[in-house]
Amino acid sequence: MTIVRLGYVAMSEELQNCSPSQTMTFKQFQGIKDREAAIGKLERIAISNLENCLRLLKHNKANDIHFFRLSSRLIPLANHEELSDWKYMRALKEPLKDIAEFLHSNPMRVDFHPDHFVLMNTLKKDILNTSVKTLAMHHALLKGMEIDTEHRCVLHVGGVYDDKEKALEQFIHNWGLISPRLQSMIILENDDTSFMLNDTLYLCEKLGIPLVFDYHHHLAHHEDENWAAQWERVIGTWGHSKLPVKMHISSPRSEKEFRAHAEYVDVHMFMDFLNGIKGSIPEIHCMIEAKKKDLALFQLADDLKKVSQLEQIDGSSFLLK
C-alpha cells in the first residue's frame, strides 16, 4: 500500500487578496526619486508577500493540505544588479520567523521551483552567477523559515544549446562550481521539450540528485512511453533523501495543446500513474500543476473519493490499496 498526498502551487484561487507574488518593476523603482524610499517600498511589498504566504499556509492547514510550493517571487528585484547593496533579509526577519513558528506547530512539506532563467548548464558566466545568486536567495529564505534546505528546490536541466550531450556534460561541469550547501538543495525534473526522463536520470544518478518525475511532461516528450520500466531508477535517486518521492501531475489542455496545462487534473490520467506505482514505495507526494491551483486539488480529491482502490485519509491524502 502507498500513501498519496496532494499539493498545489504557490497561489490560491479560493482566498481573496492573497497573492505572495506582488511585484515592482525596476522602471517603477527608478521612478521613485528617493532611493531609500524606493527600497522601503520594495521591503513593504516583500513583507506583504510573506504575510500572504502565511495566510496560504494557514489555508492549507485548515484543508488538511500537507504539501505546498512557495512562490519564488516573494522578494521583487532581489537579485537585480542595481540593487546589489540591498540587504533585504534584514527587513524580512520577523515575517519569516512568523512562518517558521507556524510550520513548527503545523509541519508540512514546502519547497520552491525557481523560474526558468535559473540555468545550471549555461555556457555564460554571468548567467551562471545570476543563477547561483537566485539559488542563494532561496536558501536564505528557507533558513529564515527554519526549514531544512535539503532537496527543496526543483530545477529543469536547462538549455540544449544545439547539442544535448554537451549540454548534459556542461551541467556536470557547472555543478562542480557551486557550493555543497546549494547542491544539496536541488532536485531535478524531466521537461516537455528538451531533457527527457532518461536524460535527467543520467544526471541524477551521476551526481546524486533526486528526480521529480513529471508525468505530463513525460507523455509529451519521450523516447519510450513506458515510464514504468524506469520507475525503480527514479525511486533509487531518492534513496539518500529524508523526504518521500515527489512527482508532478497535470493534464493537457487539449490534444492540440498537449503541453499546456489544463485548469484541472483528469482523474483517469492520474490513476493511470498511481496504478503504475502501486506498492512500490510507502509514500508519494504529488504536486498539482493545474491552472486552478487549490481548486484543482479540491476537485481531484473529490474525484479520488469515488475510486474503489483508494481509501481517504484526510482532505488531501489517500491510501492506495
C-alpha atoms as a PDB file:
ATOM      1  CA  MET A   1       0.000   0.000   0.000  1.00  0.00           C
ATOM      2  CA  THR A   2       1.113   3.564  -0.731  1.00  0.00           C
ATOM      3  CA  ILE A   3       0.119   6.844   0.916  1.00  0.00           C
ATOM      4  CA  VAL A   4      -0.641   9.514  -1.710  1.00  0.00           C
ATOM      5  CA  ARG A   5      -0.512  13.161  -0.650  1.00  0.00           C
ATOM      6  CA  LEU A   6      -1.631  16.025  -2.893  1.00  0.00           C
ATOM      7  CA  GLY A   7      -0.144  19.518  -3.015  1.00  0.00           C
ATOM      8  CA  TYR A   8      -0.553  22.645  -5.137  1.00  0.00           C
ATOM      9  CA  VAL A   9       1.463  25.594  -6.401  1.00  0.00           C
ATOM     10  CA  ALA A  10       2.048  28.975  -4.738  1.00  0.00           C
ATOM     11  CA  MET A  11      -1.354  30.682  -5.132  1.00  0.00           C
ATOM     12  CA  SER A  12      -4.945  30.137  -4.005  1.00  0.00           C
ATOM     13  CA  GLU A  13      -7.985  30.532  -6.233  1.00  0.00           C
ATOM     14  CA  GLU A  14     -10.214  30.374  -3.164  1.00  0.00           C
ATOM     15  CA  LEU A  15      -8.602  33.026  -0.931  1.00  0.00           C
ATOM     16  CA  GLN A  16      -9.095  36.635  -1.981  1.00  0.00           C
ATOM     17  CA  ASN A  17      -6.366  39.316  -1.995  1.00  0.00           C
ATOM     18  CA  CYS A  18      -3.692  36.810  -1.003  1.00  0.00           C
ATOM     19  CA  SER A  19      -1.008  36.971  -3.671  1.00  0.00           C
ATOM     20  CA  PRO A  20       2.509  36.062  -2.470  1.00  0.00           C
ATOM     21  CA  SER A  21       3.905  37.360  -5.763  1.00  0.00           C
ATOM     22  CA  GLN A  22       3.140  41.095  -5.701  1.00  0.00           C
ATOM     23  CA  THR A  23       5.906  42.863  -7.543  1.00  0.00           C
ATOM     24  CA  MET A  24       7.530  46.101  -8.593  1.00  0.00           C
ATOM     25  CA  THR A  25       9.388  46.649 -11.855  1.00  0.00           C
ATOM     26  CA  PHE A  26      12.803  48.278 -11.964  1.00  0.00           C
ATOM     27  CA  LYS A  27      11.260  51.095 -14.006  1.00  0.00           C
ATOM     28  CA  GLN A  28       8.799  51.732 -11.168  1.00  0.00           C
ATOM     29  CA  PHE A  29      11.683  51.592  -8.695  1.00  0.00           C
ATOM     30  CA  GLN A  30      13.611  54.184 -10.718  1.00  0.00           C
ATOM     31  CA  GLY A  31      10.514  56.389 -10.824  1.00  0.00           C
ATOM     32  CA  ILE A  32      10.788  56.983  -7.066  1.00  0.00           C
ATOM     33  CA  LYS A  33      13.370  59.745  -6.707  1.00  0.00           C
ATOM     34  CA  ASP A  34      14.333  58.952  -3.126  1.00  0.00           C
ATOM     35  CA  ARG A  35      16.242  55.640  -3.330  1.00  0.00           C
ATOM     36  CA  GLU A  36      15.773  54.893   0.352  1.00  0.00           C
ATOM     37  CA  ALA A  37      12.017  55.375  -0.014  1.00  0.00           C
ATOM     38  CA  ALA A  38      12.042  53.112  -3.082  1.00  0.00           C
ATOM     39  CA  ILE A  39      13.825  50.355  -1.150  1.00  0.00           C
ATOM     40  CA  GLY A  40      11.349  50.845   1.686  1.00  0.00           C
ATOM     41  CA  LYS A  41       8.508  50.208  -0.762  1.00  0.00           C
ATOM     42  CA  LEU A  42      10.209  47.043  -2.045  1.00  0.00           C
ATOM     43  CA  GLU A  43      10.518  45.820   1.513  1.00  0.00           C
ATOM     44  CA  ARG A  44       6.836  46.524   2.239  1.00  0.00           C
ATOM     45  CA  ILE A  45       5.868  44.503  -0.846  1.00  0.00           C
ATOM     46  CA  ALA A  46       8.104  41.610   0.215  1.00  0.00           C
ATOM     47  CA  ILE A  47       6.680  41.683   3.761  1.00  0.00           C
ATOM     48  CA  SER A  48       3.141  41.669   2.350  1.00  0.00           C
ATOM     49  CA  ASN A  49       4.047  38.683   0.151  1.00  0.00           C
ATOM     50  CA  LEU A  50       5.334  36.776   3.183  1.00  0.00           C
ATOM     51  CA  GLU A  51       2.243  37.670   5.211  1.00  0.00           C
ATOM     52  CA  ASN A  52       0.103  36.307   2.371  1.00  0.00           C
ATOM     53  CA  CYS A  53       2.327  33.246   2.274  1.00  0.00           C
ATOM     54  CA  LEU A  54       1.489  32.645   5.935  1.00  0.00           C
ATOM     55  CA  ARG A  55      -2.228  33.044   5.124  1.00  0.00           C
ATOM     56  CA  LEU A  56      -1.822  30.375   2.444  1.00  0.00           C
ATOM     57  CA  LEU A  57      -0.121  28.007   4.876  1.00  0.00           C
ATOM     58  CA  LYS A  58      -2.990  28.511   7.343  1.00  0.00           C
ATOM     59  CA  HIS A  59      -5.448  27.841   4.496  1.00  0.00           C
ATOM     60  CA  ASN A  60      -3.570  24.615   3.798  1.00  0.00           C
ATOM     61  CA  LYS A  61      -3.719  23.582   7.442  1.00  0.00           C
ATOM     62  CA  ALA A  62      -7.478  24.201   7.536  1.00  0.00           C
ATOM     63  CA  ASN A  63      -7.933  21.968   4.494  1.00  0.00           C
ATOM     64  CA  ASP A  64      -5.588  19.108   5.518  1.00  0.00           C
ATOM     65  CA  ILE A  65      -3.043  20.001   2.817  1.00  0.00           C
ATOM     66  CA  HIS A  66       0.453  18.859   3.825  1.00  0.00           C
ATOM     67  CA  PHE A  67       2.412  19.787   0.711  1.00  0.00           C
ATOM     68  CA  PHE A  68       2.867  23.236  -0.875  1.00  0.00           C
ATOM     69  CA  ARG A  69       5.129  25.047  -3.320  1.00  0.00           C
ATOM     70  CA  LEU A  70       6.158  28.509  -2.167  1.00  0.00           C
ATOM     71  CA  SER A  71       6.264  31.344  -4.683  1.00  0.00           C
ATOM     72  CA  SER A  72       9.758  32.151  -5.948  1.00  0.00           C
ATOM     73  CA  ARG A  73       8.673  35.785  -6.376  1.00  0.00           C
ATOM     74  CA  LEU A  74       8.448  36.663  -2.702  1.00  0.00           C
ATOM     75  CA  ILE A  75      11.113  39.388  -2.957  1.00  0.00           C
ATOM     76  CA  PRO A  76      10.802  41.658  -6.018  1.00  0.00           C
ATOM     77  CA  LEU A  77      14.100  42.750  -7.625  1.00  0.00           C
ATOM     78  CA  ALA A  78      16.038  40.706  -5.048  1.00  0.00           C
ATOM     79  CA  ASN A  79      18.904  39.959  -7.415  1.00  0.00           C
ATOM     80  CA  HIS A  80      18.795  42.991  -9.689  1.00  0.00           C
ATOM     81  CA  GLU A  81      22.303  44.215 -10.483  1.00  0.00           C
ATOM     82  CA  GLU A  82      21.422  47.778  -9.474  1.00  0.00           C
ATOM     83  CA  LEU A  83      20.334  46.620  -6.009  1.00  0.00           C
ATOM     84  CA  SER A  84      23.344  44.538  -5.019  1.00  0.00           C
ATOM     85  CA  ASP A  85      23.752  46.601  -1.825  1.00  0.00           C
ATOM     86  CA  TRP A  86      20.182  45.901  -0.633  1.00  0.00           C
ATOM     87  CA  LYS A  87      20.274  43.699   2.497  1.00  0.00           C
ATOM     88  CA  TYR A  88      16.695  42.507   2.071  1.00  0.00           C
ATOM     89  CA  MET A  89      16.865  39.652   4.596  1.00  0.00           C
ATOM     90  CA  ARG A  90      17.175  42.127   7.478  1.00  0.00           C
ATOM     91  CA  ALA A  91      13.723  43.574   6.773  1.00  0.00           C
ATOM     92  CA  LEU A  92      12.177  40.108   6.401  1.00  0.00           C
ATOM     93  CA  LYS A  93      13.409  38.583   9.634  1.00  0.00           C
ATOM     94  CA  GLU A  94      10.124  38.931  11.555  1.00  0.00           C
ATOM     95  CA  PRO A  95       7.665  37.722   8.857  1.00  0.00           C
ATOM     96  CA  LEU A  96       9.984  34.788   8.131  1.00  0.00           C
ATOM     97  CA  LYS A  97      10.060  33.975  11.847  1.00  0.00           C
ATOM     98  CA  ASP A  98       6.236  34.010  11.907  1.00  0.00           C
ATOM     99  CA  ILE A  99       6.217  31.421   9.115  1.00  0.00           C
ATOM    100  CA  ALA A 100       8.850  29.368  10.944  1.00  0.00           C
ATOM    101  CA  GLU A 101       6.757  29.317  14.122  1.00  0.00           C
ATOM    102  CA  PHE A 102       3.653  28.260  12.208  1.00  0.00           C
ATOM    103  CA  LEU A 103       5.486  25.439  10.411  1.00  0.00           C
ATOM    104  CA  HIS A 104       6.985  24.195  13.682  1.00  0.00           C
ATOM    105  CA  SER A 105       3.463  23.880  15.100  1.00  0.00           C
ATOM    106  CA  ASN A 106       1.915  22.668  11.836  1.00  0.00           C
ATOM    107  CA  PRO A 107       4.517  20.650   9.890  1.00  0.00           C
ATOM    108  CA  MET A 108       4.050  20.404   6.147  1.00  0.00           C
ATOM    109  CA  ARG A 109       6.366  19.862   3.201  1.00  0.00           C
ATOM    110  CA  VAL A 110       7.152  23.122   1.427  1.00  0.00           C
ATOM    111  CA  ASP A 111       9.576  23.788  -1.387  1.00  0.00           C
ATOM    112  CA  PHE A 112      10.432  26.094  -4.303  1.00  0.00           C
ATOM    113  CA  HIS A 113      10.625  25.882  -8.093  1.00  0.00           C
ATOM    114  CA  PRO A 114      12.761  28.841  -9.276  1.00  0.00           C
ATOM    115  CA  ASP A 115      11.893  30.380 -12.640  1.00  0.00           C
ATOM    116  CA  HIS A 116      13.259  29.127 -15.960  1.00  0.00           C
ATOM    117  CA  PHE A 117      16.050  31.731 -16.019  1.00  0.00           C
ATOM    118  CA  VAL A 118      17.947  29.684 -13.399  1.00  0.00           C
ATOM    119  CA  LEU A 119      20.175  27.766 -15.811  1.00  0.00           C
ATOM    120  CA  MET A 120      22.718  25.438 -14.260  1.00  0.00           C
ATOM    121  CA  ASN A 121      24.113  24.237 -17.603  1.00  0.00           C
ATOM    122  CA  THR A 122      24.656  27.657 -19.176  1.00  0.00           C
ATOM    123  CA  LEU A 123      27.856  28.395 -21.066  1.00  0.00           C
ATOM    124  CA  LYS A 124      27.762  32.043 -19.933  1.00  0.00           C
ATOM    125  CA  LYS A 125      29.467  33.021 -16.706  1.00  0.00           C
ATOM    126  CA  ASP A 126      27.138  35.959 -15.968  1.00  0.00           C
ATOM    127  CA  ILE A 127      24.023  33.780 -16.320  1.00  0.00           C
ATOM    128  CA  LEU A 128      25.546  31.136 -14.056  1.00  0.00           C
ATOM    129  CA  ASN A 129      26.414  33.796 -11.472  1.00  0.00           C
ATOM    130  CA  THR A 130      22.852  35.152 -11.531  1.00  0.00           C
ATOM    131  CA  SER A 131      21.503  31.596 -11.225  1.00  0.00           C
ATOM    132  CA  VAL A 132      23.691  30.948  -8.197  1.00  0.00           C
ATOM    133  CA  LYS A 133      22.562  34.240  -6.596  1.00  0.00           C
ATOM    134  CA  THR A 134      18.943  33.222  -7.121  1.00  0.00           C
ATOM    135  CA  LEU A 135      19.568  29.838  -5.529  1.00  0.00           C
ATOM    136  CA  ALA A 136      21.332  31.556  -2.620  1.00  0.00           C
ATOM    137  CA  MET A 137      18.234  33.734  -2.128  1.00  0.00           C
ATOM    138  CA  HIS A 138      16.044  30.620  -1.943  1.00  0.00           C
ATOM    139  CA  HIS A 139      18.479  29.081   0.519  1.00  0.00           C
ATOM    140  CA  ALA A 140      18.334  32.203   2.711  1.00  0.00           C
ATOM    141  CA  LEU A 141      14.521  32.190   2.671  1.00  0.00           C
ATOM    142  CA  LEU A 142      14.405  28.531   3.683  1.00  0.00           C
ATOM    143  CA  LYS A 143      16.858  29.193   6.506  1.00  0.00           C
ATOM    144  CA  GLY A 144      14.789  32.207   7.602  1.00  0.00           C
ATOM    145  CA  MET A 145      11.732  29.932   7.750  1.00  0.00           C
ATOM    146  CA  GLU A 146      13.822  27.373   9.673  1.00  0.00           C
ATOM    147  CA  ILE A 147      13.180  24.730   7.015  1.00  0.00           C
ATOM    148  CA  ASP A 148      15.735  22.003   6.334  1.00  0.00           C
ATOM    149  CA  THR A 149      17.127  23.155   2.985  1.00  0.00           C
ATOM    150  CA  GLU A 150      17.932  19.675   1.651  1.00  0.00           C
ATOM    151  CA  HIS A 151      16.064  18.792  -1.564  1.00  0.00           C
ATOM    152  CA  ARG A 152      13.739  21.831  -1.538  1.00  0.00           C
ATOM    153  CA  CYS A 153      14.414  23.438  -4.944  1.00  0.00           C
ATOM    154  CA  VAL A 154      13.164  21.896  -8.199  1.00  0.00           C
ATOM    155  CA  LEU A 155      15.094  22.811 -11.349  1.00  0.00           C
ATOM    156  CA  HIS A 156      14.955  21.846 -15.000  1.00  0.00           C
ATOM    157  CA  VAL A 157      18.239  20.707 -16.538  1.00  0.00           C
ATOM    158  CA  GLY A 158      18.413  23.869 -18.689  1.00  0.00           C
ATOM    159  CA  GLY A 159      19.093  24.660 -22.342  1.00  0.00           C
ATOM    160  CA  VAL A 160      20.121  22.256 -25.092  1.00  0.00           C
ATOM    161  CA  TYR A 161      22.326  24.789 -26.953  1.00  0.00           C
ATOM    162  CA  ASP A 162      22.165  22.694 -30.177  1.00  0.00           C
ATOM    163  CA  ASP A 163      23.992  19.744 -28.569  1.00  0.00           C
ATOM    164  CA  LYS A 164      22.174  17.773 -25.865  1.00  0.00           C
ATOM    165  CA  GLU A 165      25.129  15.593 -24.887  1.00  0.00           C
ATOM    166  CA  LYS A 166      27.368  18.619 -24.497  1.00  0.00           C
ATOM    167  CA  ALA A 167      24.631  20.402 -22.519  1.00  0.00           C
ATOM    168  CA  LEU A 168      24.426  17.464 -20.089  1.00  0.00           C
ATOM    169  CA  GLU A 169      28.188  17.479 -19.592  1.00  0.00           C
ATOM    170  CA  GLN A 170      28.126  21.269 -19.103  1.00  0.00           C
ATOM    171  CA  PHE A 171      25.640  20.745 -16.262  1.00  0.00           C
ATOM    172  CA  ILE A 172      28.126  18.353 -14.630  1.00  0.00           C
ATOM    173  CA  HIS A 173      30.939  20.864 -15.112  1.00  0.00           C
ATOM    174  CA  ASN A 174      28.935  23.762 -13.635  1.00  0.00           C
ATOM    175  CA  TRP A 175      27.712  21.568 -10.788  1.00  0.00           C
ATOM    176  CA  GLY A 176      31.273  21.393  -9.523  1.00  0.00           C
ATOM    177  CA  LEU A 177      31.407  25.203  -9.365  1.00  0.00           C
ATOM    178  CA  ILE A 178      28.580  25.672  -6.859  1.00  0.00           C
ATOM    179  CA  SER A 179      28.805  25.159  -3.114  1.00  0.00           C
ATOM    180  CA  PRO A 180      27.710  21.892  -1.461  1.00  0.00           C
ATOM    181  CA  ARG A 181      25.008  23.770   0.515  1.00  0.00           C
ATOM    182  CA  LEU A 182      23.328  24.794  -2.753  1.00  0.00           C
ATOM    183  CA  GLN A 183      23.937  21.417  -4.378  1.00  0.00           C
ATOM    184  CA  SER A 184      22.117  19.668  -1.546  1.00  0.00           C
ATOM    185  CA  MET A 185      19.076  21.936  -2.044  1.00  0.00           C
ATOM    186  CA  ILE A 186      18.495  20.927  -5.677  1.00  0.00           C
ATOM    187  CA  ILE A 187      16.252  18.269  -7.223  1.00  0.00           C
ATOM    188  CA  LEU A 188      15.803  17.866 -10.988  1.00  0.00           C
ATOM    189  CA  GLU A 189      12.708  17.466 -13.155  1.00  0.00           C
ATOM    190  CA  ASN A 190      12.319  15.994 -16.644  1.00  0.00           C
ATOM    191  CA  ASP A 191      10.874  18.574 -19.048  1.00  0.00           C
ATOM    192  CA  ASP A 192       8.492  18.514 -22.004  1.00  0.00           C
ATOM    193  CA  THR A 193      10.730  19.817 -24.796  1.00  0.00           C
ATOM    194  CA  SER A 194      14.409  19.061 -24.152  1.00  0.00           C
ATOM    195  CA  PHE A 195      15.609  16.711 -21.431  1.00  0.00           C
ATOM    196  CA  MET A 196      13.552  13.548 -21.199  1.00  0.00           C
ATOM    197  CA  LEU A 197      13.333  11.088 -18.321  1.00  0.00           C
ATOM    198  CA  ASN A 198      16.448   9.145 -19.384  1.00  0.00           C
ATOM    199  CA  ASP A 199      18.471  12.347 -19.831  1.00  0.00           C
ATOM    200  CA  THR A 200      17.524  13.617 -16.393  1.00  0.00           C
ATOM    201  CA  LEU A 201      18.114  10.226 -14.784  1.00  0.00           C
ATOM    202  CA  TYR A 202      21.641  10.255 -16.229  1.00  0.00           C
ATOM    203  CA  LEU A 203      22.441  13.448 -14.301  1.00  0.00           C
ATOM    204  CA  CYS A 204      20.587  12.440 -11.155  1.00  0.00           C
ATOM    205  CA  GLU A 205      22.330   9.095 -10.885  1.00  0.00           C
ATOM    206  CA  LYS A 206      25.750  10.541 -11.709  1.00  0.00           C
ATOM    207  CA  LEU A 207      25.521  13.455  -9.267  1.00  0.00           C
ATOM    208  CA  GLY A 208      23.325  12.011  -6.527  1.00  0.00           C
ATOM    209  CA  ILE A 209      20.331  14.289  -7.176  1.00  0.00           C
ATOM    210  CA  PRO A 210      16.706  13.161  -6.566  1.00  0.00           C
ATOM    211  CA  LEU A 211      14.485  13.177  -9.657  1.00  0.00           C
ATOM    212  CA  VAL A 212      10.992  14.700  -9.650  1.00  0.00           C
ATOM    213  CA  PHE A 213       9.037  12.730 -12.243  1.00  0.00           C
ATOM    214  CA  ASP A 214       6.683  14.949 -14.234  1.00  0.00           C
ATOM    215  CA  TYR A 215       4.132  12.552 -15.709  1.00  0.00           C
ATOM    216  CA  HIS A 216       2.566  15.066 -18.111  1.00  0.00           C
ATOM    217  CA  HIS A 217       5.995  16.157 -19.385  1.00  0.00           C
ATOM    218  CA  HIS A 218       6.923  12.539 -19.990  1.00  0.00           C
ATOM    219  CA  LEU A 219       3.788  11.863 -22.025  1.00  0.00           C
ATOM    220  CA  ALA A 220       4.540  14.974 -24.099  1.00  0.00           C
ATOM    221  CA  HIS A 221       8.248  14.215 -24.652  1.00  0.00           C
ATOM    222  CA  HIS A 222       9.734  10.715 -24.505  1.00  0.00           C
ATOM    223  CA  GLU A 223      11.718   8.126 -26.393  1.00  0.00           C
ATOM    224  CA  ASP A 224       9.881   5.266 -24.714  1.00  0.00           C
ATOM    225  CA  GLU A 225       6.412   5.991 -23.361  1.00  0.00           C
ATOM    226  CA  ASN A 226       6.793   3.125 -20.877  1.00  0.00           C
ATOM    227  CA  TRP A 227       7.946   5.217 -17.901  1.00  0.00           C
ATOM    228  CA  ALA A 228       7.194   2.343 -15.518  1.00  0.00           C
ATOM    229  CA  ALA A 229      10.259   0.494 -16.810  1.00  0.00           C
ATOM    230  CA  GLN A 230      12.379   3.339 -15.363  1.00  0.00           C
ATOM    231  CA  TRP A 231      10.395   3.804 -12.151  1.00  0.00           C
ATOM    232  CA  GLU A 232      12.783   1.810  -9.952  1.00  0.00           C
ATOM    233  CA  ARG A 233      15.597   4.080 -11.138  1.00  0.00           C
ATOM    234  CA  VAL A 234      13.515   7.144 -10.210  1.00  0.00           C
ATOM    235  CA  ILE A 235      12.902   5.694  -6.729  1.00  0.00           C
ATOM    236  CA  GLY A 236      16.608   4.977  -6.425  1.00  0.00           C
ATOM    237  CA  THR A 237      17.510   8.655  -6.804  1.00  0.00           C
ATOM    238  CA  TRP A 238      15.565   9.355  -3.576  1.00  0.00           C
ATOM    239  CA  GLY A 239      17.404   6.673  -1.617  1.00  0.00           C
ATOM    240  CA  HIS A 240      19.532   9.162   0.335  1.00  0.00           C
ATOM    241  CA  SER A 241      16.764  11.754   0.871  1.00  0.00           C
ATOM    242  CA  LYS A 242      14.806  12.294   4.097  1.00  0.00           C
ATOM    243  CA  LEU A 243      11.764  13.256   2.018  1.00  0.00           C
ATOM    244  CA  PRO A 244       9.262  10.973   0.264  1.00  0.00           C
ATOM    245  CA  VAL A 245       9.409  10.631  -3.517  1.00  0.00           C
ATOM    246  CA  LYS A 246       7.871  13.631  -5.284  1.00  0.00           C
ATOM    247  CA  MET A 247       6.175  13.848  -8.679  1.00  0.00           C
ATOM    248  CA  HIS A 248       4.294  16.471 -10.706  1.00  0.00           C
ATOM    249  CA  ILE A 249       0.823  15.889 -12.089  1.00  0.00           C
ATOM    250  CA  SER A 250      -1.086  17.991 -14.611  1.00  0.00           C
ATOM    251  CA  SER A 251      -3.299  17.285 -17.596  1.00  0.00           C
ATOM    252  CA  PRO A 252      -3.102  18.537 -21.201  1.00  0.00           C
ATOM    253  CA  ARG A 253      -5.328  21.480 -22.058  1.00  0.00           C
ATOM    254  CA  SER A 254      -6.328  19.631 -25.258  1.00  0.00           C
ATOM    255  CA  GLU A 255      -4.914  17.192 -27.792  1.00  0.00           C
ATOM    256  CA  LYS A 256      -3.887  20.155 -29.936  1.00  0.00           C
ATOM    257  CA  GLU A 257      -2.303  21.978 -26.981  1.00  0.00           C
ATOM    258  CA  PHE A 258      -0.960  18.871 -25.287  1.00  0.00           C
ATOM    259  CA  ARG A 259       1.937  20.552 -23.460  1.00  0.00           C
ATOM    260  CA  ALA A 260      -0.223  23.339 -21.977  1.00  0.00           C
ATOM    261  CA  HIS A 261      -1.656  22.713 -18.508  1.00  0.00           C
ATOM    262  CA  ALA A 262      -5.414  22.309 -18.088  1.00  0.00           C
ATOM    263  CA  GLU A 263      -7.373  24.037 -15.346  1.00  0.00           C
ATOM    264  CA  TYR A 264      -7.982  20.755 -13.522  1.00  0.00           C
ATOM    265  CA  VAL A 265      -6.432  17.271 -13.365  1.00  0.00           C
ATOM    266  CA  ASP A 266      -8.002  14.353 -15.228  1.00  0.00           C
ATOM    267  CA  VAL A 267      -8.558  11.736 -12.526  1.00  0.00           C
ATOM    268  CA  HIS A 268      -8.294   8.864 -15.034  1.00  0.00           C
ATOM    269  CA  MET A 269      -4.894  10.097 -16.195  1.00  0.00           C
ATOM    270  CA  PHE A 270      -3.759  10.385 -12.571  1.00  0.00           C
ATOM    271  CA  MET A 271      -4.998   6.894 -11.749  1.00  0.00           C
ATOM    272  CA  ASP A 272      -3.065   5.506 -14.715  1.00  0.00           C
ATOM    273  CA  PHE A 273       0.052   6.805 -12.983  1.00  0.00           C
ATOM    274  CA  LEU A 274      -0.922   5.651  -9.491  1.00  0.00           C
ATOM    275  CA  ASN A 275      -1.761   2.147 -10.702  1.00  0.00           C
ATOM    276  CA  GLY A 276       1.717   2.014 -12.236  1.00  0.00           C
ATOM    277  CA  ILE A 277       3.495   2.751  -8.936  1.00  0.00           C
ATOM    278  CA  LYS A 278       1.155   0.944  -6.527  1.00  0.00           C
ATOM    279  CA  GLY A 279       3.069  -0.667  -3.656  1.00  0.00           C
ATOM    280  CA  SER A 280       6.488   0.354  -4.959  1.00  0.00           C
ATOM    281  CA  ILE A 281       7.028   2.984  -2.253  1.00  0.00           C
ATOM    282  CA  PRO A 282       5.420   3.680   1.132  1.00  0.00           C
ATOM    283  CA  GLU A 283       4.515   7.300   0.329  1.00  0.00           C
ATOM    284  CA  ILE A 284       4.469   9.684  -2.638  1.00  0.00           C
ATOM    285  CA  HIS A 285       3.829  13.442  -2.778  1.00  0.00           C
ATOM    286  CA  CYS A 286       2.056  14.650  -5.906  1.00  0.00           C
ATOM    287  CA  MET A 287       2.343  18.326  -6.816  1.00  0.00           C
ATOM    288  CA  ILE A 288      -0.645  19.514  -8.862  1.00  0.00           C
ATOM    289  CA  GLU A 289       0.435  21.942 -11.593  1.00  0.00           C
ATOM    290  CA  ALA A 290      -3.026  22.954 -12.780  1.00  0.00           C
ATOM    291  CA  LYS A 291      -4.270  26.442 -13.587  1.00  0.00           C
ATOM    292  CA  LYS A 292      -6.928  26.338 -10.859  1.00  0.00           C
ATOM    293  CA  LYS A 293      -4.353  25.763  -8.084  1.00  0.00           C
ATOM    294  CA  ASP A 294      -6.084  24.754  -4.809  1.00  0.00           C
ATOM    295  CA  LEU A 295      -9.464  24.412  -6.529  1.00  0.00           C
ATOM    296  CA  ALA A 296      -7.886  21.771  -8.789  1.00  0.00           C
ATOM    297  CA  LEU A 297      -6.677  19.954  -5.663  1.00  0.00           C
ATOM    298  CA  PHE A 298     -10.139  20.047  -4.083  1.00  0.00           C
ATOM    299  CA  GLN A 299     -11.715  18.746  -7.305  1.00  0.00           C
ATOM    300  CA  LEU A 300      -9.168  15.958  -7.708  1.00  0.00           C
ATOM    301  CA  ALA A 301      -9.631  14.925  -4.073  1.00  0.00           C
ATOM    302  CA  ASP A 302     -13.412  14.746  -4.647  1.00  0.00           C
ATOM    303  CA  ASP A 303     -12.852  12.632  -7.761  1.00  0.00           C
ATOM    304  CA  LEU A 304     -10.448  10.299  -5.934  1.00  0.00           C
ATOM    305  CA  LYS A 305     -13.030   9.653  -3.198  1.00  0.00           C
ATOM    306  CA  LYS A 306     -15.022   7.726  -5.815  1.00  0.00           C
ATOM    307  CA  VAL A 307     -12.139   5.433  -6.799  1.00  0.00           C
ATOM    308  CA  SER A 308     -12.566   1.990  -5.229  1.00  0.00           C
ATOM    309  CA  GLN A 309      -8.860   1.193  -4.788  1.00  0.00           C
ATOM    310  CA  LEU A 310      -8.321   4.373  -2.747  1.00  0.00           C
ATOM    311  CA  GLU A 311      -9.178   4.999   0.890  1.00  0.00           C
ATOM    312  CA  GLN A 312      -9.327   8.629   2.013  1.00  0.00           C
ATOM    313  CA  ILE A 313      -7.099   9.518   4.991  1.00  0.00           C
ATOM    314  CA  ASP A 314      -7.907  13.245   5.177  1.00  0.00           C
ATOM    315  CA  GLY A 315      -8.734  16.174   2.900  1.00  0.00           C
ATOM    316  CA  SER A 316      -5.733  15.690   0.599  1.00  0.00           C
ATOM    317  CA  SER A 317      -4.326  12.250   1.447  1.00  0.00           C
ATOM    318  CA  PHE A 318      -5.289   8.774   0.291  1.00  0.00           C
ATOM    319  CA  LEU A 319      -4.211   5.188   0.794  1.00  0.00           C
ATOM    320  CA  LEU A 320      -3.623   3.344  -2.472  1.00  0.00           C
ATOM    321  CA  LYS A 321      -4.515  -0.282  -1.773  1.00  0.00           C
END
